[in-house]
């Protein structure tokens, strides 16, 4: 992440095979990925003979390569960083692809979906995906547009709905869908302390719905040196851990399971995965 003199924020992630700008002024990037290998029954493997009579194995397309075409901003103000693509979204997409059996035929809600990359990957496997974000800066329209760009990847029912972490009065459609949710996703939603508090309160309300749920949160620890601490710290990440611990200090929240997961699973997208990335799992 970098900052300009006018306090715009720029993600380095989009600088891979981008094709420049489109009429809206947005950047379009092709994010390459490899499908996970599938275990297939022998009777389902197609075979053909080549011109010399040798046996050819026709491999499942899920063993090949593909792309996610994402339209997004090249830079934004801090308030509208969801209009860009961040590393946590790619890490979470890798996680979904590697552990795809966890997501098959599930109802999935993504909080702070941004431009929709992670939700689109989830839609390869899910029964239904609900992508949500604040209704500001045209972000919901951009998610819808990116779903259209990648309609061949979207195998599930897909909805795009407004959800503002700072407003817990949800519309009836969102409230109804939350009752059916099995899994909640969020990537790189921790970059401001006020927003962190609002996110935790939103997550708490969703998890208190009747059904058992799992949450996967992908975050990047962004380190800075502070004179006050005389140390290099990740203030936003550390504030998230402190706040969620204090806010969840009584039942039922204190009974929820909250743990980090290893990120040494296979990488399917092309990006730099480093040790400052983390995935948290929450189970109710």
Protein backbone atom coordinates (compact mmCIF):
# COMPACT_ATOMS: atom_id res chain seq x y z
CA UNK A 1 0.00 0.00 0.00
CA UNK A 2 1.30 3.48 -0.84
CA UNK A 3 0.06 6.99 -0.21
CA UNK A 4 0.25 10.19 -2.27
CA UNK A 5 0.41 13.80 -1.10
CA UNK A 6 -3.36 14.11 -1.51
CA UNK A 7 -3.88 11.04 0.73
CA UNK A 8 -4.88 8.62 -1.97
CA UNK A 9 -4.16 4.95 -1.42
CA UNK A 10 -2.74 2.65 -4.08
CA UNK A 11 -2.63 -1.15 -3.98
CA UNK A 12 0.29 -2.81 -5.74
CA UNK A 13 -1.79 -5.88 -6.56
CA UNK A 14 -3.35 -4.71 -9.80
CA UNK A 15 0.01 -4.31 -11.57
CA UNK A 16 -0.16 -7.74 -13.15
CA UNK A 17 -1.32 -8.09 -16.74
CA UNK A 18 -3.68 -5.13 -16.51
CA UNK A 19 -5.06 -3.87 -19.80
CA UNK A 20 -5.27 -0.20 -18.93
CA UNK A 21 -8.40 1.81 -18.42
CA UNK A 22 -11.93 1.47 -19.73
CA UNK A 23 -14.47 4.16 -20.54
CA UNK A 24 -15.40 4.60 -16.87
CA UNK A 25 -11.79 5.43 -15.98
CA UNK A 26 -11.43 2.15 -14.09
CA UNK A 27 -8.55 -0.29 -14.51
CA UNK A 28 -9.23 -3.81 -15.75
CA UNK A 29 -6.94 -6.57 -14.53
CA UNK A 30 -6.88 -10.22 -15.51
CA UNK A 31 -6.02 -12.25 -12.40
CA UNK A 32 -4.69 -15.62 -13.52
CA UNK A 33 -5.34 -18.70 -11.43
CA UNK A 34 -5.06 -22.47 -11.64
CA UNK A 35 -7.96 -24.72 -10.79
CA UNK A 36 -7.39 -27.27 -8.01
CA UNK A 37 -6.86 -30.85 -9.15
CA UNK A 38 -9.96 -32.93 -8.74
CA UNK A 39 -10.13 -36.58 -7.73
CA UNK A 40 -12.09 -38.21 -10.51
CA UNK A 41 -13.54 -41.66 -10.88
CA UNK A 42 -11.93 -43.64 -13.68
CA UNK A 43 -15.21 -44.23 -15.43
CA UNK A 44 -15.65 -40.46 -15.81
CA UNK A 45 -12.29 -39.87 -17.50
CA UNK A 46 -12.75 -39.30 -21.22
CA UNK A 47 -10.28 -40.83 -23.64
CA UNK A 48 -9.57 -40.47 -27.33
CA UNK A 49 -7.03 -41.83 -29.80
CA UNK A 50 -4.53 -39.60 -31.56
CA UNK A 51 -3.66 -39.97 -35.26
CA UNK A 52 -1.10 -42.69 -34.42
CA UNK A 53 -3.65 -44.68 -32.45
CA UNK A 54 -2.17 -43.80 -29.07
CA UNK A 55 -4.47 -43.21 -26.11
CA UNK A 56 -5.09 -39.58 -25.15
CA UNK A 57 -6.34 -38.51 -21.74
CA UNK A 58 -8.84 -35.65 -21.96
CA UNK A 59 -8.29 -33.76 -18.74
CA UNK A 60 -11.04 -32.07 -16.79
CA UNK A 61 -11.08 -28.32 -17.43
CA UNK A 62 -10.77 -27.84 -13.67
CA UNK A 63 -7.13 -28.89 -13.97
CA UNK A 64 -6.35 -25.99 -16.29
CA UNK A 65 -5.80 -22.28 -15.96
CA UNK A 66 -8.33 -19.50 -16.07
CA UNK A 67 -8.72 -15.81 -15.21
CA UNK A 68 -10.91 -13.56 -13.15
CA UNK A 69 -11.51 -10.32 -15.00
CA UNK A 70 -11.84 -7.52 -12.44
CA UNK A 71 -12.68 -3.89 -13.09
CA UNK A 72 -11.51 -1.60 -10.27
CA UNK A 73 -9.89 1.70 -9.38
CA UNK A 74 -6.13 2.18 -9.61
CA UNK A 75 -6.14 4.41 -6.53
CA UNK A 76 -8.71 5.85 -4.13
CA UNK A 77 -9.10 7.74 -0.90
CA UNK A 78 -8.80 5.64 2.25
CA UNK A 79 -12.59 5.67 2.63
CA UNK A 80 -13.08 3.97 -0.75
CA UNK A 81 -10.27 1.39 -0.68
CA UNK A 82 -12.86 -1.28 -1.38
CA UNK A 83 -12.79 -0.12 -5.00
CA UNK A 84 -9.31 -1.63 -5.32
CA UNK A 85 -7.97 -5.20 -5.07
CA UNK A 86 -5.98 -6.20 -2.00
CA UNK A 87 -3.77 -9.14 -1.15
CA UNK A 88 -6.13 -10.51 1.49
CA UNK A 89 -8.81 -11.09 -1.15
CA UNK A 90 -6.41 -13.27 -3.17
CA UNK A 91 -5.32 -15.19 -0.07
CA UNK A 92 -8.94 -15.88 0.85
CA UNK A 93 -9.68 -16.91 -2.74
CA UNK A 94 -6.76 -19.37 -2.56
CA UNK A 95 -8.14 -20.71 0.72
CA UNK A 96 -11.59 -21.26 -0.81
CA UNK A 97 -10.15 -23.07 -3.81
CA UNK A 98 -7.85 -25.28 -1.75
CA UNK A 99 -10.54 -26.23 0.77
CA UNK A 100 -13.40 -26.07 -1.70
CA UNK A 101 -15.25 -28.99 -0.10
CA UNK A 102 -15.96 -26.72 2.89
CA UNK A 103 -17.79 -24.30 0.64
CA UNK A 104 -19.71 -26.63 -1.65
CA UNK A 105 -23.49 -26.12 -1.57
CA UNK A 106 -23.20 -23.57 1.27
CA UNK A 107 -24.88 -20.20 1.65
CA UNK A 108 -22.05 -17.68 1.85
CA UNK A 109 -22.06 -14.03 2.90
CA UNK A 110 -19.09 -11.78 2.21
CA UNK A 111 -18.70 -8.61 4.27
CA UNK A 112 -16.89 -5.70 2.66
CA UNK A 113 -16.78 -7.47 -0.71
CA UNK A 114 -14.99 -4.60 -2.45
CA UNK A 115 -14.94 -5.34 -6.18
CA UNK A 116 -16.17 -8.90 -5.63
CA UNK A 117 -13.16 -11.08 -6.45
CA UNK A 118 -13.46 -13.38 -3.43
CA UNK A 119 -17.23 -13.70 -3.79
CA UNK A 120 -16.84 -14.67 -7.44
CA UNK A 121 -14.43 -17.48 -6.50
CA UNK A 122 -16.80 -18.62 -3.74
CA UNK A 123 -19.55 -18.79 -6.37
CA UNK A 124 -17.64 -21.59 -8.10
CA UNK A 125 -18.71 -23.89 -5.28
CA UNK A 126 -21.49 -22.34 -3.19
CA UNK A 127 -25.24 -22.78 -3.29
CA UNK A 128 -25.68 -19.02 -2.91
CA UNK A 129 -23.34 -16.07 -2.47
CA UNK A 130 -24.41 -12.73 -1.03
CA UNK A 131 -21.79 -10.03 -1.66
CA UNK A 132 -22.21 -6.94 0.52
CA UNK A 133 -20.56 -3.57 0.94
CA UNK A 134 -21.40 0.03 1.70
CA UNK A 135 -23.59 1.68 -0.94
CA UNK A 136 -21.11 4.41 -1.77
CA UNK A 137 -18.75 5.30 -4.61
CA UNK A 138 -20.56 2.99 -7.02
CA UNK A 139 -19.08 -0.07 -5.33
CA UNK A 140 -22.23 -2.20 -5.50
CA UNK A 141 -22.59 -1.49 -9.21
CA UNK A 142 -18.95 -2.46 -9.68
CA UNK A 143 -19.48 -5.81 -7.96
CA UNK A 144 -22.47 -6.45 -10.22
CA UNK A 145 -20.40 -5.53 -13.27
CA UNK A 146 -17.58 -7.87 -12.23
CA UNK A 147 -20.03 -10.72 -11.74
CA UNK A 148 -21.16 -10.10 -15.31
CA UNK A 149 -17.52 -10.06 -16.49
CA UNK A 150 -17.07 -13.52 -14.94
CA UNK A 151 -20.45 -15.14 -15.50
CA UNK A 152 -18.79 -18.38 -16.63
CA UNK A 153 -17.27 -18.75 -13.14
CA UNK A 154 -20.43 -17.96 -11.20
CA UNK A 155 -22.16 -21.31 -10.69
CA UNK A 156 -24.29 -20.30 -7.69
CA UNK A 157 -27.15 -17.95 -7.08
CA UNK A 158 -25.60 -14.51 -6.55
CA UNK A 159 -26.92 -11.38 -4.83
CA UNK A 160 -25.34 -7.97 -4.27
CA UNK A 161 -26.77 -6.11 -1.27
CA UNK A 162 -25.87 -2.99 0.73
CA UNK A 163 -24.42 -3.45 4.20
CA UNK A 164 -22.86 -0.57 6.12
CA UNK A 165 -20.90 -1.66 9.19
CA UNK A 166 -21.95 1.59 10.87
CA UNK A 167 -25.67 0.89 10.41
CA UNK A 168 -27.11 -2.22 12.03
CA UNK A 169 -30.62 -1.53 10.74
CA UNK A 170 -30.62 -3.86 7.74
CA UNK A 171 -33.24 -4.06 5.05
CA UNK A 172 -35.68 -6.98 5.07
CA UNK A 173 -33.98 -8.83 2.19
CA UNK A 174 -30.59 -8.85 3.89
CA UNK A 175 -32.09 -9.76 7.26
CA UNK A 176 -33.88 -12.73 5.72
CA UNK A 177 -30.80 -13.99 3.89
CA UNK A 178 -28.60 -13.75 6.98
CA UNK A 179 -30.83 -16.34 8.66
CA UNK A 180 -29.76 -18.90 6.05
CA UNK A 181 -26.01 -18.18 6.03
CA UNK A 182 -23.54 -21.01 6.70
CA UNK A 183 -20.22 -19.21 6.09
CA UNK A 184 -19.11 -15.58 6.37
CA UNK A 185 -16.08 -14.20 4.52
CA UNK A 186 -14.17 -10.95 4.94
CA UNK A 187 -10.85 -9.80 3.50
CA UNK A 188 -8.78 -6.73 4.40
CA UNK A 189 -11.56 -4.94 6.24
CA UNK A 190 -9.28 -3.79 9.10
CA UNK A 191 -7.59 -0.46 8.34
CA UNK A 192 -9.33 2.07 10.61
CA UNK A 193 -10.13 1.72 14.33
CA UNK A 194 -13.66 3.10 14.09
CA UNK A 195 -14.40 0.81 11.16
CA UNK A 196 -12.90 -2.12 13.09
CA UNK A 197 -15.33 -1.55 15.95
CA UNK A 198 -18.25 -1.29 13.55
CA UNK A 199 -17.15 -4.47 11.76
CA UNK A 200 -16.95 -6.43 15.03
CA UNK A 201 -20.41 -5.25 16.06
CA UNK A 202 -21.83 -6.19 12.65
CA UNK A 203 -20.19 -9.61 12.79
CA UNK A 204 -21.50 -10.15 16.33
CA UNK A 205 -25.07 -9.43 15.29
CA UNK A 206 -24.84 -11.79 12.30
CA UNK A 207 -23.32 -14.61 14.37
CA UNK A 208 -26.09 -14.37 16.93
CA UNK A 209 -28.59 -15.58 14.33
CA UNK A 210 -30.06 -19.02 14.95
CA UNK A 211 -27.89 -21.23 12.75
CA UNK A 212 -24.30 -22.25 13.46
CA UNK A 213 -21.82 -20.38 11.31
CA UNK A 214 -18.14 -20.24 10.40
CA UNK A 215 -16.22 -17.09 9.61
CA UNK A 216 -12.99 -16.75 7.63
CA UNK A 217 -11.25 -13.38 7.86
CA UNK A 218 -8.12 -12.72 5.78
CA UNK A 219 -5.97 -9.80 6.91
CA UNK A 220 -2.63 -8.25 6.11
CA UNK A 221 -0.63 -7.00 9.08
CA UNK A 222 0.63 -3.58 7.99
CA UNK A 223 3.61 -2.60 10.11
CA UNK A 224 4.71 0.93 10.94
CA UNK A 225 7.37 2.33 13.26
CA UNK A 226 5.97 4.56 16.01
CA UNK A 227 7.93 6.93 18.21
CA UNK A 228 5.50 6.31 21.07
CA UNK A 229 6.24 2.58 21.08
CA UNK A 230 9.81 2.81 19.79
CA UNK A 231 8.96 -0.31 17.87
CA UNK A 232 7.54 -1.56 14.60
CA UNK A 233 3.93 -2.57 15.16
CA UNK A 234 0.78 -3.38 13.17
CA UNK A 235 -1.59 -0.98 14.93
CA UNK A 236 -4.81 -1.73 13.03
CA UNK A 237 -4.38 -5.47 13.34
CA UNK A 238 -3.47 -5.28 17.02
CA UNK A 239 -6.43 -3.01 17.73
CA UNK A 240 -8.73 -5.55 16.03
CA UNK A 241 -7.46 -8.34 18.31
CA UNK A 242 -7.73 -6.19 21.43
CA UNK A 243 -11.20 -4.93 20.59
CA UNK A 244 -12.68 -8.30 19.66
CA UNK A 245 -11.27 -9.78 22.87
CA UNK A 246 -12.83 -7.05 25.01
CA UNK A 247 -16.14 -7.00 23.10
CA UNK A 248 -16.49 -10.78 23.25
CA UNK A 249 -15.72 -11.18 26.95
CA UNK A 250 -19.10 -12.69 27.91
CA UNK A 251 -21.40 -15.43 26.57
CA UNK A 252 -22.32 -16.37 23.93
CA UNK A 253 -19.38 -14.59 22.22
CA UNK A 254 -16.82 -15.80 24.77
CA UNK A 255 -17.80 -19.37 23.91
CA UNK A 256 -17.05 -18.98 20.22
CA UNK A 257 -13.86 -20.57 18.90
CA UNK A 258 -11.40 -18.00 17.52
CA UNK A 259 -8.10 -19.19 16.00
CA UNK A 260 -5.55 -18.50 13.25
CA UNK A 261 -5.07 -20.94 10.40
CA UNK A 262 -1.88 -21.94 8.63
CA UNK A 263 -1.46 -20.24 5.25
CA UNK A 264 0.87 -22.85 3.77
CA UNK A 265 -1.86 -24.27 1.54
CA UNK A 266 -1.32 -24.31 -2.21
CA UNK A 267 -1.31 -21.00 -4.06
CA UNK A 268 -3.58 -20.79 -7.10
CA UNK A 269 -3.42 -17.04 -7.85
CA UNK A 270 -0.29 -15.15 -8.89
CA UNK A 271 0.73 -12.78 -6.08
CA UNK A 272 3.35 -12.55 -3.36
CA UNK A 273 2.22 -14.43 -0.27
CA UNK A 274 4.25 -13.41 2.77
CA UNK A 275 4.22 -14.04 6.52
CA UNK A 276 2.32 -10.84 7.35
CA UNK A 277 -0.85 -12.36 5.91
CA UNK A 278 -3.18 -14.19 8.28
CA UNK A 279 -6.51 -16.02 8.21
CA UNK A 280 -8.72 -16.16 11.28
CA UNK A 281 -11.42 -18.77 11.69
CA UNK A 282 -14.36 -18.17 14.00
CA UNK A 283 -16.85 -20.94 14.82
CA UNK A 284 -20.08 -20.52 16.75
